[in-house]
mmCIF file of all heavy atoms, coordinates in Angstrom:
data_MODEL
# 
_entry.id   MODEL 
# 
loop_
_atom_site.group_PDB 
_atom_site.id 
_atom_site.type_symbol 
_atom_site.label_atom_id 
_atom_site.label_alt_id 
_atom_site.label_comp_id 
_atom_site.label_asym_id 
_atom_site.label_entity_id 
_atom_site.label_seq_id 
_atom_site.pdbx_PDB_ins_code 
_atom_site.Cartn_x 
_atom_site.Cartn_y 
_atom_site.Cartn_z 
_atom_site.occupancy 
_atom_site.B_iso_or_equiv 
_atom_site.pdbx_formal_charge 
_atom_site.auth_seq_id 
_atom_site.auth_comp_id 
_atom_site.auth_asym_id 
_atom_site.auth_atom_id 
_atom_site.pdbx_PDB_model_num 
ATOM 1   N N   . LEU A 1 1  ? 31.943 -12.726 10.519 1.00 0.00 ? 1  LEU A N   1 
ATOM 2   C CA  . LEU A 1 1  ? 32.368 -13.441 9.323  1.00 0.00 ? 1  LEU A CA  1 
ATOM 3   C C   . LEU A 1 1  ? 32.961 -14.807 9.655  1.00 0.00 ? 1  LEU A C   1 
ATOM 4   O O   . LEU A 1 1  ? 32.601 -15.818 9.048  1.00 0.00 ? 1  LEU A O   1 
ATOM 5   C CB  . LEU A 1 1  ? 33.398 -12.593 8.576  1.00 0.00 ? 1  LEU A CB  1 
ATOM 6   C CG  . LEU A 1 1  ? 33.812 -13.004 7.189  1.00 0.00 ? 1  LEU A CG  1 
ATOM 7   C CD1 . LEU A 1 1  ? 32.608 -13.014 6.261  1.00 0.00 ? 1  LEU A CD1 1 
ATOM 8   C CD2 . LEU A 1 1  ? 34.853 -12.042 6.672  1.00 0.00 ? 1  LEU A CD2 1 
ATOM 9   N N   . LEU A 1 2  ? 33.830 -14.857 10.620 1.00 0.00 ? 2  LEU A N   1 
ATOM 10  C CA  . LEU A 1 2  ? 34.469 -16.120 10.982 1.00 0.00 ? 2  LEU A CA  1 
ATOM 11  C C   . LEU A 1 2  ? 33.455 -17.113 11.550 1.00 0.00 ? 2  LEU A C   1 
ATOM 12  O O   . LEU A 1 2  ? 33.489 -18.301 11.219 1.00 0.00 ? 2  LEU A O   1 
ATOM 13  C CB  . LEU A 1 2  ? 35.599 -15.891 11.982 1.00 0.00 ? 2  LEU A CB  1 
ATOM 14  C CG  . LEU A 1 2  ? 36.537 -17.064 12.192 1.00 0.00 ? 2  LEU A CG  1 
ATOM 15  C CD1 . LEU A 1 2  ? 37.178 -17.526 10.895 1.00 0.00 ? 2  LEU A CD1 1 
ATOM 16  C CD2 . LEU A 1 2  ? 37.607 -16.706 13.198 1.00 0.00 ? 2  LEU A CD2 1 
ATOM 17  N N   . ILE A 1 3  ? 32.535 -16.623 12.349 1.00 0.00 ? 3  ILE A N   1 
ATOM 18  C CA  . ILE A 1 3  ? 31.504 -17.498 12.918 1.00 0.00 ? 3  ILE A CA  1 
ATOM 19  C C   . ILE A 1 3  ? 30.581 -18.018 11.817 1.00 0.00 ? 3  ILE A C   1 
ATOM 20  O O   . ILE A 1 3  ? 30.275 -19.220 11.766 1.00 0.00 ? 3  ILE A O   1 
ATOM 21  C CB  . ILE A 1 3  ? 30.684 -16.765 14.003 1.00 0.00 ? 3  ILE A CB  1 
ATOM 22  C CG1 . ILE A 1 3  ? 31.581 -16.257 15.129 1.00 0.00 ? 3  ILE A CG1 1 
ATOM 23  C CG2 . ILE A 1 3  ? 29.565 -17.637 14.528 1.00 0.00 ? 3  ILE A CG2 1 
ATOM 24  C CD1 . ILE A 1 3  ? 32.358 -17.316 15.855 1.00 0.00 ? 3  ILE A CD1 1 
ATOM 25  N N   . GLN A 1 4  ? 30.138 -17.122 10.923 1.00 0.00 ? 4  GLN A N   1 
ATOM 26  C CA  . GLN A 1 4  ? 29.231 -17.545 9.846  1.00 0.00 ? 4  GLN A CA  1 
ATOM 27  C C   . GLN A 1 4  ? 29.929 -18.537 8.916  1.00 0.00 ? 4  GLN A C   1 
ATOM 28  O O   . GLN A 1 4  ? 29.333 -19.513 8.482  1.00 0.00 ? 4  GLN A O   1 
ATOM 29  C CB  . GLN A 1 4  ? 28.734 -16.335 9.040  1.00 0.00 ? 4  GLN A CB  1 
ATOM 30  C CG  . GLN A 1 4  ? 28.073 -15.228 9.845  1.00 0.00 ? 4  GLN A CG  1 
ATOM 31  C CD  . GLN A 1 4  ? 26.787 -15.633 10.518 1.00 0.00 ? 4  GLN A CD  1 
ATOM 32  O OE1 . GLN A 1 4  ? 26.674 -16.711 11.093 1.00 0.00 ? 4  GLN A OE1 1 
ATOM 33  N NE2 . GLN A 1 4  ? 25.811 -14.758 10.497 1.00 0.00 ? 4  GLN A NE2 1 
ATOM 34  N N   . TYR A 1 5  ? 31.196 -18.275 8.621  1.00 0.00 ? 5  TYR A N   1 
ATOM 35  C CA  . TYR A 1 5  ? 31.966 -19.168 7.749  1.00 0.00 ? 5  TYR A CA  1 
ATOM 36  C C   . TYR A 1 5  ? 32.074 -20.562 8.362  1.00 0.00 ? 5  TYR A C   1 
ATOM 37  O O   . TYR A 1 5  ? 31.871 -21.567 7.677  1.00 0.00 ? 5  TYR A O   1 
ATOM 38  C CB  . TYR A 1 5  ? 33.353 -18.569 7.517  1.00 0.00 ? 5  TYR A CB  1 
ATOM 39  C CG  . TYR A 1 5  ? 34.322 -19.472 6.790  1.00 0.00 ? 5  TYR A CG  1 
ATOM 40  C CD1 . TYR A 1 5  ? 34.195 -19.706 5.429  1.00 0.00 ? 5  TYR A CD1 1 
ATOM 41  C CD2 . TYR A 1 5  ? 35.367 -20.081 7.467  1.00 0.00 ? 5  TYR A CD2 1 
ATOM 42  C CE1 . TYR A 1 5  ? 35.084 -20.527 4.761  1.00 0.00 ? 5  TYR A CE1 1 
ATOM 43  C CE2 . TYR A 1 5  ? 36.260 -20.904 6.804  1.00 0.00 ? 5  TYR A CE2 1 
ATOM 44  C CZ  . TYR A 1 5  ? 36.117 -21.129 5.451  1.00 0.00 ? 5  TYR A CZ  1 
ATOM 45  O OH  . TYR A 1 5  ? 36.988 -21.939 4.800  1.00 0.00 ? 5  TYR A OH  1 
ATOM 46  N N   . SER A 1 6  ? 32.370 -20.631 9.649  1.00 0.00 ? 6  SER A N   1 
ATOM 47  C CA  . SER A 1 6  ? 32.524 -21.940 10.287 1.00 0.00 ? 6  SER A CA  1 
ATOM 48  C C   . SER A 1 6  ? 31.189 -22.656 10.447 1.00 0.00 ? 6  SER A C   1 
ATOM 49  O O   . SER A 1 6  ? 31.142 -23.879 10.476 1.00 0.00 ? 6  SER A O   1 
ATOM 50  C CB  . SER A 1 6  ? 33.211 -21.797 11.644 1.00 0.00 ? 6  SER A CB  1 
ATOM 51  O OG  . SER A 1 6  ? 32.378 -21.120 12.545 1.00 0.00 ? 6  SER A OG  1 
ATOM 52  N N   . THR A 1 7  ? 30.099 -21.915 10.534 1.00 0.00 ? 7  THR A N   1 
ATOM 53  C CA  . THR A 1 7  ? 28.782 -22.510 10.734 1.00 0.00 ? 7  THR A CA  1 
ATOM 54  C C   . THR A 1 7  ? 28.098 -22.870 9.415  1.00 0.00 ? 7  THR A C   1 
ATOM 55  O O   . THR A 1 7  ? 27.516 -23.940 9.279  1.00 0.00 ? 7  THR A O   1 
ATOM 56  C CB  . THR A 1 7  ? 27.880 -21.564 11.537 1.00 0.00 ? 7  THR A CB  1 
ATOM 57  O OG1 . THR A 1 7  ? 28.534 -21.211 12.752 1.00 0.00 ? 7  THR A OG1 1 
ATOM 58  C CG2 . THR A 1 7  ? 26.535 -22.201 11.845 1.00 0.00 ? 7  THR A CG2 1 
ATOM 59  N N   . PHE A 1 8  ? 28.174 -21.967 8.430  1.00 0.00 ? 8  PHE A N   1 
ATOM 60  C CA  . PHE A 1 8  ? 27.395 -22.134 7.198  1.00 0.00 ? 8  PHE A CA  1 
ATOM 61  C C   . PHE A 1 8  ? 28.235 -22.398 5.950  1.00 0.00 ? 8  PHE A C   1 
ATOM 62  O O   . PHE A 1 8  ? 27.686 -22.597 4.874  1.00 0.00 ? 8  PHE A O   1 
ATOM 63  C CB  . PHE A 1 8  ? 26.523 -20.894 6.962  1.00 0.00 ? 8  PHE A CB  1 
ATOM 64  C CG  . PHE A 1 8  ? 25.507 -20.680 8.041  1.00 0.00 ? 8  PHE A CG  1 
ATOM 65  C CD1 . PHE A 1 8  ? 25.727 -19.738 9.044  1.00 0.00 ? 8  PHE A CD1 1 
ATOM 66  C CD2 . PHE A 1 8  ? 24.333 -21.418 8.083  1.00 0.00 ? 8  PHE A CD2 1 
ATOM 67  C CE1 . PHE A 1 8  ? 24.795 -19.540 10.053 1.00 0.00 ? 8  PHE A CE1 1 
ATOM 68  C CE2 . PHE A 1 8  ? 23.404 -21.232 9.084  1.00 0.00 ? 8  PHE A CE2 1 
ATOM 69  C CZ  . PHE A 1 8  ? 23.639 -20.294 10.071 1.00 0.00 ? 8  PHE A CZ  1 
ATOM 70  N N   . GLY A 1 9  ? 29.558 -22.378 6.070  1.00 0.00 ? 9  GLY A N   1 
ATOM 71  C CA  . GLY A 1 9  ? 30.413 -22.659 4.925  1.00 0.00 ? 9  GLY A CA  1 
ATOM 72  C C   . GLY A 1 9  ? 30.785 -21.420 4.136  1.00 0.00 ? 9  GLY A C   1 
ATOM 73  O O   . GLY A 1 9  ? 30.236 -20.338 4.340  1.00 0.00 ? 9  GLY A O   1 
ATOM 74  N N   . TRP A 1 10 ? 31.731 -21.628 3.227  1.00 0.00 ? 10 TRP A N   1 
ATOM 75  C CA  . TRP A 1 10 ? 32.279 -20.488 2.498  1.00 0.00 ? 10 TRP A CA  1 
ATOM 76  C C   . TRP A 1 10 ? 31.340 -19.934 1.431  1.00 0.00 ? 10 TRP A C   1 
ATOM 77  O O   . TRP A 1 10 ? 31.323 -18.733 1.184  1.00 0.00 ? 10 TRP A O   1 
ATOM 78  C CB  . TRP A 1 10 ? 33.644 -20.836 1.893  1.00 0.00 ? 10 TRP A CB  1 
ATOM 79  C CG  . TRP A 1 10 ? 33.584 -21.825 0.762  1.00 0.00 ? 10 TRP A CG  1 
ATOM 80  C CD1 . TRP A 1 10 ? 33.678 -23.178 0.840  1.00 0.00 ? 10 TRP A CD1 1 
ATOM 81  C CD2 . TRP A 1 10 ? 33.403 -21.515 -0.609 1.00 0.00 ? 10 TRP A CD2 1 
ATOM 82  N NE1 . TRP A 1 10 ? 33.560 -23.738 -0.399 1.00 0.00 ? 10 TRP A NE1 1 
ATOM 83  C CE2 . TRP A 1 10 ? 33.390 -22.730 -1.316 1.00 0.00 ? 10 TRP A CE2 1 
ATOM 84  C CE3 . TRP A 1 10 ? 33.234 -20.331 -1.319 1.00 0.00 ? 10 TRP A CE3 1 
ATOM 85  C CZ2 . TRP A 1 10 ? 33.227 -22.788 -2.695 1.00 0.00 ? 10 TRP A CZ2 1 
ATOM 86  C CZ3 . TRP A 1 10 ? 33.066 -20.394 -2.699 1.00 0.00 ? 10 TRP A CZ3 1 
ATOM 87  C CH2 . TRP A 1 10 ? 33.075 -21.613 -3.368 1.00 0.00 ? 10 TRP A CH2 1 
ATOM 88  N N   . ALA A 1 11 ? 30.547 -20.781 0.785  1.00 0.00 ? 11 ALA A N   1 
ATOM 89  C CA  . ALA A 1 11 ? 29.722 -20.315 -0.336 1.00 0.00 ? 11 ALA A CA  1 
ATOM 90  C C   . ALA A 1 11 ? 28.667 -19.304 0.119  1.00 0.00 ? 11 ALA A C   1 
ATOM 91  O O   . ALA A 1 11 ? 28.571 -18.195 -0.442 1.00 0.00 ? 11 ALA A O   1 
ATOM 92  C CB  . ALA A 1 11 ? 29.068 -21.496 -1.040 1.00 0.00 ? 11 ALA A CB  1 
ATOM 93  N N   . LEU A 1 12 ? 27.866 -19.678 1.127  1.00 0.00 ? 12 LEU A N   1 
ATOM 94  C CA  . LEU A 1 12 ? 26.835 -18.750 1.616  1.00 0.00 ? 12 LEU A CA  1 
ATOM 95  C C   . LEU A 1 12 ? 27.462 -17.506 2.237  1.00 0.00 ? 12 LEU A C   1 
ATOM 96  O O   . LEU A 1 12 ? 26.965 -16.392 2.040  1.00 0.00 ? 12 LEU A O   1 
ATOM 97  C CB  . LEU A 1 12 ? 25.944 -19.433 2.659  1.00 0.00 ? 12 LEU A CB  1 
ATOM 98  C CG  . LEU A 1 12 ? 24.916 -20.432 2.153  1.00 0.00 ? 12 LEU A CG  1 
ATOM 99  C CD1 . LEU A 1 12 ? 24.134 -21.025 3.317  1.00 0.00 ? 12 LEU A CD1 1 
ATOM 100 C CD2 . LEU A 1 12 ? 23.974 -19.796 1.155  1.00 0.00 ? 12 LEU A CD2 1 
ATOM 101 N N   . THR A 1 13 ? 28.560 -17.688 2.949  1.00 0.00 ? 13 THR A N   1 
ATOM 102 C CA  . THR A 1 13 ? 29.193 -16.556 3.609  1.00 0.00 ? 13 THR A CA  1 
ATOM 103 C C   . THR A 1 13 ? 29.796 -15.596 2.592  1.00 0.00 ? 13 THR A C   1 
ATOM 104 O O   . THR A 1 13 ? 29.626 -14.376 2.700  1.00 0.00 ? 13 THR A O   1 
ATOM 105 C CB  . THR A 1 13 ? 30.270 -17.044 4.596  1.00 0.00 ? 13 THR A CB  1 
ATOM 106 O OG1 . THR A 1 13 ? 29.676 -17.985 5.494  1.00 0.00 ? 13 THR A OG1 1 
ATOM 107 C CG2 . THR A 1 13 ? 30.846 -15.898 5.400  1.00 0.00 ? 13 THR A CG2 1 
ATOM 108 N N   . LEU A 1 14 ? 30.489 -16.120 1.596  1.00 0.00 ? 14 LEU A N   1 
ATOM 109 C CA  . LEU A 1 14 ? 31.095 -15.271 0.573  1.00 0.00 ? 14 LEU A CA  1 
ATOM 110 C C   . LEU A 1 14 ? 30.026 -14.549 -0.246 1.00 0.00 ? 14 LEU A C   1 
ATOM 111 O O   . LEU A 1 14 ? 30.152 -13.350 -0.520 1.00 0.00 ? 14 LEU A O   1 
ATOM 112 C CB  . LEU A 1 14 ? 32.007 -16.088 -0.332 1.00 0.00 ? 14 LEU A CB  1 
ATOM 113 C CG  . LEU A 1 14 ? 32.802 -15.305 -1.364 1.00 0.00 ? 14 LEU A CG  1 
ATOM 114 C CD1 . LEU A 1 14 ? 33.708 -14.272 -0.702 1.00 0.00 ? 14 LEU A CD1 1 
ATOM 115 C CD2 . LEU A 1 14 ? 33.624 -16.242 -2.240 1.00 0.00 ? 14 LEU A CD2 1 
ATOM 116 N N   . LEU A 1 15 ? 28.974 -15.253 -0.625 1.00 0.00 ? 15 LEU A N   1 
ATOM 117 C CA  . LEU A 1 15 ? 27.882 -14.623 -1.370 1.00 0.00 ? 15 LEU A CA  1 
ATOM 118 C C   . LEU A 1 15 ? 27.247 -13.499 -0.551 1.00 0.00 ? 15 LEU A C   1 
ATOM 119 O O   . LEU A 1 15 ? 27.007 -12.401 -1.060 1.00 0.00 ? 15 LEU A O   1 
ATOM 120 C CB  . LEU A 1 15 ? 26.829 -15.668 -1.752 1.00 0.00 ? 15 LEU A CB  1 
ATOM 121 C CG  . LEU A 1 15 ? 25.615 -15.155 -2.527 1.00 0.00 ? 15 LEU A CG  1 
ATOM 122 C CD1 . LEU A 1 15 ? 26.039 -14.554 -3.855 1.00 0.00 ? 15 LEU A CD1 1 
ATOM 123 C CD2 . LEU A 1 15 ? 24.619 -16.287 -2.738 1.00 0.00 ? 15 LEU A CD2 1 
ATOM 124 N N   . SER A 1 16 ? 26.998 -13.764 0.710  1.00 0.00 ? 16 SER A N   1 
ATOM 125 C CA  . SER A 1 16 ? 26.429 -12.756 1.596  1.00 0.00 ? 16 SER A CA  1 
ATOM 126 C C   . SER A 1 16 ? 27.368 -11.574 1.764  1.00 0.00 ? 16 SER A C   1 
ATOM 127 O O   . SER A 1 16 ? 26.941 -10.410 1.761  1.00 0.00 ? 16 SER A O   1 
ATOM 128 C CB  . SER A 1 16 ? 26.118 -13.380 2.958  1.00 0.00 ? 16 SER A CB  1 
ATOM 129 O OG  . SER A 1 16 ? 25.659 -12.402 3.833  1.00 0.00 ? 16 SER A OG  1 
ATOM 130 N N   . LEU A 1 17 ? 28.651 -11.861 1.902  1.00 0.00 ? 17 LEU A N   1 
ATOM 131 C CA  . LEU A 1 17 ? 29.648 -10.803 2.048  1.00 0.00 ? 17 LEU A CA  1 
ATOM 132 C C   . LEU A 1 17 ? 29.678 -9.908  0.809  1.00 0.00 ? 17 LEU A C   1 
ATOM 133 O O   . LEU A 1 17 ? 29.645 -8.675  0.920  1.00 0.00 ? 17 LEU A O   1 
ATOM 134 C CB  . LEU A 1 17 ? 31.025 -11.428 2.285  1.00 0.00 ? 17 LEU A CB  1 
ATOM 135 C CG  . LEU A 1 17 ? 32.183 -10.473 2.539  1.00 0.00 ? 17 LEU A CG  1 
ATOM 136 C CD1 . LEU A 1 17 ? 32.022 -9.798  3.895  1.00 0.00 ? 17 LEU A CD1 1 
ATOM 137 C CD2 . LEU A 1 17 ? 33.504 -11.234 2.479  1.00 0.00 ? 17 LEU A CD2 1 
ATOM 138 N N   . LEU A 1 18 ? 29.719 -10.519 -0.367 1.00 0.00 ? 18 LEU A N   1 
ATOM 139 C CA  . LEU A 1 18 ? 29.745 -9.745  -1.613 1.00 0.00 ? 18 LEU A CA  1 
ATOM 140 C C   . LEU A 1 18 ? 28.485 -8.897  -1.770 1.00 0.00 ? 18 LEU A C   1 
ATOM 141 O O   . LEU A 1 18 ? 28.557 -7.730  -2.166 1.00 0.00 ? 18 LEU A O   1 
ATOM 142 C CB  . LEU A 1 18 ? 29.913 -10.681 -2.815 1.00 0.00 ? 18 LEU A CB  1 
ATOM 143 C CG  . LEU A 1 18 ? 31.249 -11.385 -2.921 1.00 0.00 ? 18 LEU A CG  1 
ATOM 144 C CD1 . LEU A 1 18 ? 31.221 -12.426 -4.039 1.00 0.00 ? 18 LEU A CD1 1 
ATOM 145 C CD2 . LEU A 1 18 ? 32.379 -10.391 -3.129 1.00 0.00 ? 18 LEU A CD2 1 
ATOM 146 N N   . LEU A 1 19 ? 27.336 -9.470  -1.442 1.00 0.00 ? 19 LEU A N   1 
ATOM 147 C CA  . LEU A 1 19 ? 26.085 -8.726  -1.542 1.00 0.00 ? 19 LEU A CA  1 
ATOM 148 C C   . LEU A 1 19 ? 26.047 -7.565  -0.547 1.00 0.00 ? 19 LEU A C   1 
ATOM 149 O O   . LEU A 1 19 ? 25.661 -6.454  -0.892 1.00 0.00 ? 19 LEU A O   1 
ATOM 150 C CB  . LEU A 1 19 ? 24.901 -9.666  -1.322 1.00 0.00 ? 19 LEU A CB  1 
ATOM 151 C CG  . LEU A 1 19 ? 23.509 -9.067  -1.529 1.00 0.00 ? 19 LEU A CG  1 
ATOM 152 C CD1 . LEU A 1 19 ? 23.364 -8.469  -2.921 1.00 0.00 ? 19 LEU A CD1 1 
ATOM 153 C CD2 . LEU A 1 19 ? 22.444 -10.128 -1.308 1.00 0.00 ? 19 LEU A CD2 1 
ATOM 154 N N   . ASN A 1 20 ? 26.496 -7.812  0.679  1.00 0.00 ? 20 ASN A N   1 
ATOM 155 C CA  . ASN A 1 20 ? 26.526 -6.761  1.694  1.00 0.00 ? 20 ASN A CA  1 
ATOM 156 C C   . ASN A 1 20 ? 27.457 -5.620  1.303  1.00 0.00 ? 20 ASN A C   1 
ATOM 157 O O   . ASN A 1 20 ? 27.120 -4.445  1.468  1.00 0.00 ? 20 ASN A O   1 
ATOM 158 C CB  . ASN A 1 20 ? 26.949 -7.326  3.057  1.00 0.00 ? 20 ASN A CB  1 
ATOM 159 C CG  . ASN A 1 20 ? 25.769 -7.752  3.876  1.00 0.00 ? 20 ASN A CG  1 
ATOM 160 O OD1 . ASN A 1 20 ? 24.956 -6.937  4.277  1.00 0.00 ? 20 ASN A OD1 1 
ATOM 161 N ND2 . ASN A 1 20 ? 25.658 -9.042  4.118  1.00 0.00 ? 20 ASN A ND2 1 
ATOM 162 N N   . TYR A 1 21 ? 28.633 -5.938  0.788  1.00 0.00 ? 21 TYR A N   1 
ATOM 163 C CA  . TYR A 1 21 ? 29.580 -4.892  0.402  1.00 0.00 ? 21 TYR A CA  1 
ATOM 164 C C   . TYR A 1 21 ? 29.099 -4.143  -0.837 1.00 0.00 ? 21 TYR A C   1 
ATOM 165 O O   . TYR A 1 21 ? 29.358 -2.951  -0.978 1.00 0.00 ? 21 TYR A O   1 
ATOM 166 C CB  . TYR A 1 21 ? 30.981 -5.473  0.229  1.00 0.00 ? 21 TYR A CB  1 
ATOM 167 C CG  . TYR A 1 21 ? 31.695 -5.592  1.555  1.00 0.00 ? 21 TYR A CG  1 
ATOM 168 C CD1 . TYR A 1 21 ? 31.196 -6.429  2.552  1.00 0.00 ? 21 TYR A CD1 1 
ATOM 169 C CD2 . TYR A 1 21 ? 32.835 -4.877  1.836  1.00 0.00 ? 21 TYR A CD2 1 
ATOM 170 C CE1 . TYR A 1 21 ? 31.820 -6.539  3.778  1.00 0.00 ? 21 TYR A CE1 1 
ATOM 171 C CE2 . TYR A 1 21 ? 33.473 -4.989  3.056  1.00 0.00 ? 21 TYR A CE2 1 
ATOM 172 C CZ  . TYR A 1 21 ? 32.960 -5.813  4.027  1.00 0.00 ? 21 TYR A CZ  1 
ATOM 173 O OH  . TYR A 1 21 ? 33.576 -5.909  5.244  1.00 0.00 ? 21 TYR A OH  1 
ATOM 174 N N   . SER A 1 22 ? 28.384 -4.830  -1.735 1.00 0.00 ? 22 SER A N   1 
ATOM 175 C CA  . SER A 1 22 ? 27.789 -4.144  -2.887 1.00 0.00 ? 22 SER A CA  1 
ATOM 176 C C   . SER A 1 22 ? 26.724 -3.148  -2.430 1.00 0.00 ? 22 SER A C   1 
ATOM 177 O O   . SER A 1 22 ? 26.671 -2.012  -2.910 1.00 0.00 ? 22 SER A O   1 
ATOM 178 C CB  . SER A 1 22 ? 27.170 -5.157  -3.858 1.00 0.00 ? 22 SER A CB  1 
ATOM 179 O OG  . SER A 1 22 ? 28.163 -6.014  -4.372 1.00 0.00 ? 22 SER A OG  1 
ATOM 180 N N   . ILE A 1 23 ? 25.882 -3.577  -1.509 1.00 0.00 ? 23 ILE A N   1 
ATOM 181 C CA  . ILE A 1 23 ? 24.862 -2.676  -0.957 1.00 0.00 ? 23 ILE A CA  1 
ATOM 182 C C   . ILE A 1 23 ? 25.541 -1.516  -0.225 1.00 0.00 ? 23 ILE A C   1 
ATOM 183 O O   . ILE A 1 23 ? 25.143 -0.357  -0.377 1.00 0.00 ? 23 ILE A O   1 
ATOM 184 C CB  . ILE A 1 23 ? 23.908 -3.447  -0.018 1.00 0.00 ? 23 ILE A CB  1 
ATOM 185 C CG1 . ILE A 1 23 ? 23.042 -4.413  -0.827 1.00 0.00 ? 23 ILE A CG1 1 
ATOM 186 C CG2 . ILE A 1 23 ? 23.034 -2.483  0.784  1.00 0.00 ? 23 ILE A CG2 1 
ATOM 187 C CD1 . ILE A 1 23 ? 22.266 -5.406  0.017  1.00 0.00 ? 23 ILE A CD1 1 
ATOM 188 N N   . GLY A 1 24 ? 26.586 -1.833  0.552  1.00 0.00 ? 24 GLY A N   1 
ATOM 189 C CA  . GLY A 1 24 ? 27.328 -0.782  1.249  1.00 0.00 ? 24 GLY A CA  1 
ATOM 190 C C   . GLY A 1 24 ? 27.903 0.234   0.285  1.00 0.00 ? 24 GLY A C   1 
ATOM 191 O O   . GLY A 1 24 ? 27.821 1.449   0.517  1.00 0.00 ? 24 GLY A O   1 
ATOM 192 N N   . TRP A 1 25 ? 28.477 -0.248  -0.802 1.00 0.00 ? 25 TRP A N   1 
ATOM 193 C CA  . TRP A 1 25 ? 29.053 0.638   -1.815 1.00 0.00 ? 25 TRP A CA  1 
ATOM 194 C C   . TRP A 1 25 ? 27.969 1.566   -2.369 1.00 0.00 ? 25 TRP A C   1 
ATOM 195 O O   . TRP A 1 25 ? 28.161 2.781   -2.464 1.00 0.00 ? 25 TRP A O   1 
ATOM 196 C CB  . TRP A 1 25 ? 29.661 -0.201  -2.923 1.00 0.00 ? 25 TRP A CB  1 
ATOM 197 C CG  . TRP A 1 25 ? 30.435 0.576   -3.964 1.00 0.00 ? 25 TRP A CG  1 
ATOM 198 C CD1 . TRP A 1 25 ? 30.202 1.848   -4.402 1.00 0.00 ? 25 TRP A CD1 1 
ATOM 199 C CD2 . TRP A 1 25 ? 31.574 0.129   -4.681 1.00 0.00 ? 25 TRP A CD2 1 
ATOM 200 N NE1 . TRP A 1 25 ? 31.111 2.202   -5.354 1.00 0.00 ? 25 TRP A NE1 1 
ATOM 201 C CE2 . TRP A 1 25 ? 31.969 1.160   -5.545 1.00 0.00 ? 25 TRP A CE2 1 
ATOM 202 C CE3 . TRP A 1 25 ? 32.282 -1.052  -4.689 1.00 0.00 ? 25 TRP A CE3 1 
ATOM 203 C CZ2 . TRP A 1 25 ? 33.061 1.050   -6.406 1.00 0.00 ? 25 TRP A CZ2 1 
ATOM 204 C CZ3 . TRP A 1 25 ? 33.363 -1.153  -5.555 1.00 0.00 ? 25 TRP A CZ3 1 
ATOM 205 C CH2 . TRP A 1 25 ? 33.741 -0.125  -6.390 1.00 0.00 ? 25 TRP A CH2 1 
ATOM 206 N N   . LEU A 1 26 ? 26.824 0.990   -2.740 1.00 0.00 ? 26 LEU A N   1 
ATOM 207 C CA  . LEU A 1 26 ? 25.736 1.795   -3.304 1.00 0.00 ? 26 LEU A CA  1 
ATOM 208 C C   . LEU A 1 26 ? 25.213 2.831   -2.307 1.00 0.00 ? 26 LEU A C   1 
ATOM 209 O O   . LEU A 1 26 ? 24.948 3.980   -2.663 1.00 0.00 ? 26 LEU A O   1 
ATOM 210 C CB  . LEU A 1 26 ? 24.594 0.895   -3.771 1.00 0.00 ? 26 LEU A CB  1 
ATOM 211 C CG  . LEU A 1 26 ? 24.905 0.003   -4.969 1.00 0.00 ? 26 LEU A CG  1 
ATOM 212 C CD1 . LEU A 1 26 ? 23.761 -0.979  -5.220 1.00 0.00 ? 26 LEU A CD1 1 
ATOM 213 C CD2 . LEU A 1 26 ? 25.185 0.839   -6.209 1.00 0.00 ? 26 LEU A CD2 1 
ATOM 214 N N   . LEU A 1 27 ? 25.068 2.418   -1.047 1.00 0.00 ? 27 LEU A N   1 
ATOM 215 C CA  . LEU A 1 27 ? 24.572 3.356   -0.038 1.00 0.00 ? 27 LEU A CA  1 
ATOM 216 C C   . LEU A 1 27 ? 25.563 4.487   0.231  1.00 0.00 ? 27 LEU A C   1 
ATOM 217 O O   . LEU A 1 27 ? 25.167 5.650   0.357  1.00 0.00 ? 27 LEU A O   1 
ATOM 218 C CB  . LEU A 1 27 ? 24.248 2.618   1.264  1.00 0.00 ? 27 LEU A CB  1 
ATOM 219 C CG  . LEU A 1 27 ? 23.024 1.725   1.232  1.00 0.00 ? 27 LEU A CG  1 
ATOM 220 C CD1 . LEU A 1 27 ? 22.882 0.946   2.533  1.00 0.00 ? 27 LEU A CD1 1 
ATOM 221 C CD2 . LEU A 1 27 ? 21.769 2.536   0.953  1.00 0.00 ? 27 LEU A CD2 1 
ATOM 222 N N   . LEU A 1 28 ? 26.843 4.152   0.323  1.00 0.00 ? 28 LEU A N   1 
ATOM 223 C CA  . LEU A 1 28 ? 27.837 5.193   0.554  1.00 0.00 ? 28 LEU A CA  1 
ATOM 224 C C   . LEU A 1 28 ? 27.978 6.101   -0.666 1.00 0.00 ? 28 LEU A C   1 
ATOM 225 O O   . LEU A 1 28 ? 28.163 7.314   -0.523 1.00 0.00 ? 28 LEU A O   1 
ATOM 226 C CB  . LEU A 1 28 ? 29.193 4.583   0.926  1.00 0.00 ? 28 LEU A CB  1 
ATOM 227 C CG  . LEU A 1 28 ? 29.253 3.904   2.294  1.00 0.00 ? 28 LEU A CG  1 
ATOM 228 C CD1 . LEU A 1 28 ? 30.608 3.262   2.520  1.00 0.00 ? 28 LEU A CD1 1 
ATOM 229 C CD2 . LEU A 1 28 ? 28.924 4.873   3.414  1.00 0.00 ? 28 LEU A CD2 1 
# 
């Protein structure tokens, strides 16, 4: 997360994080 944030910025990283955790929630 810290590496992606510093490389690609907060918008793409936050969107990706939210999508990943949503998928994680659904799978669990």
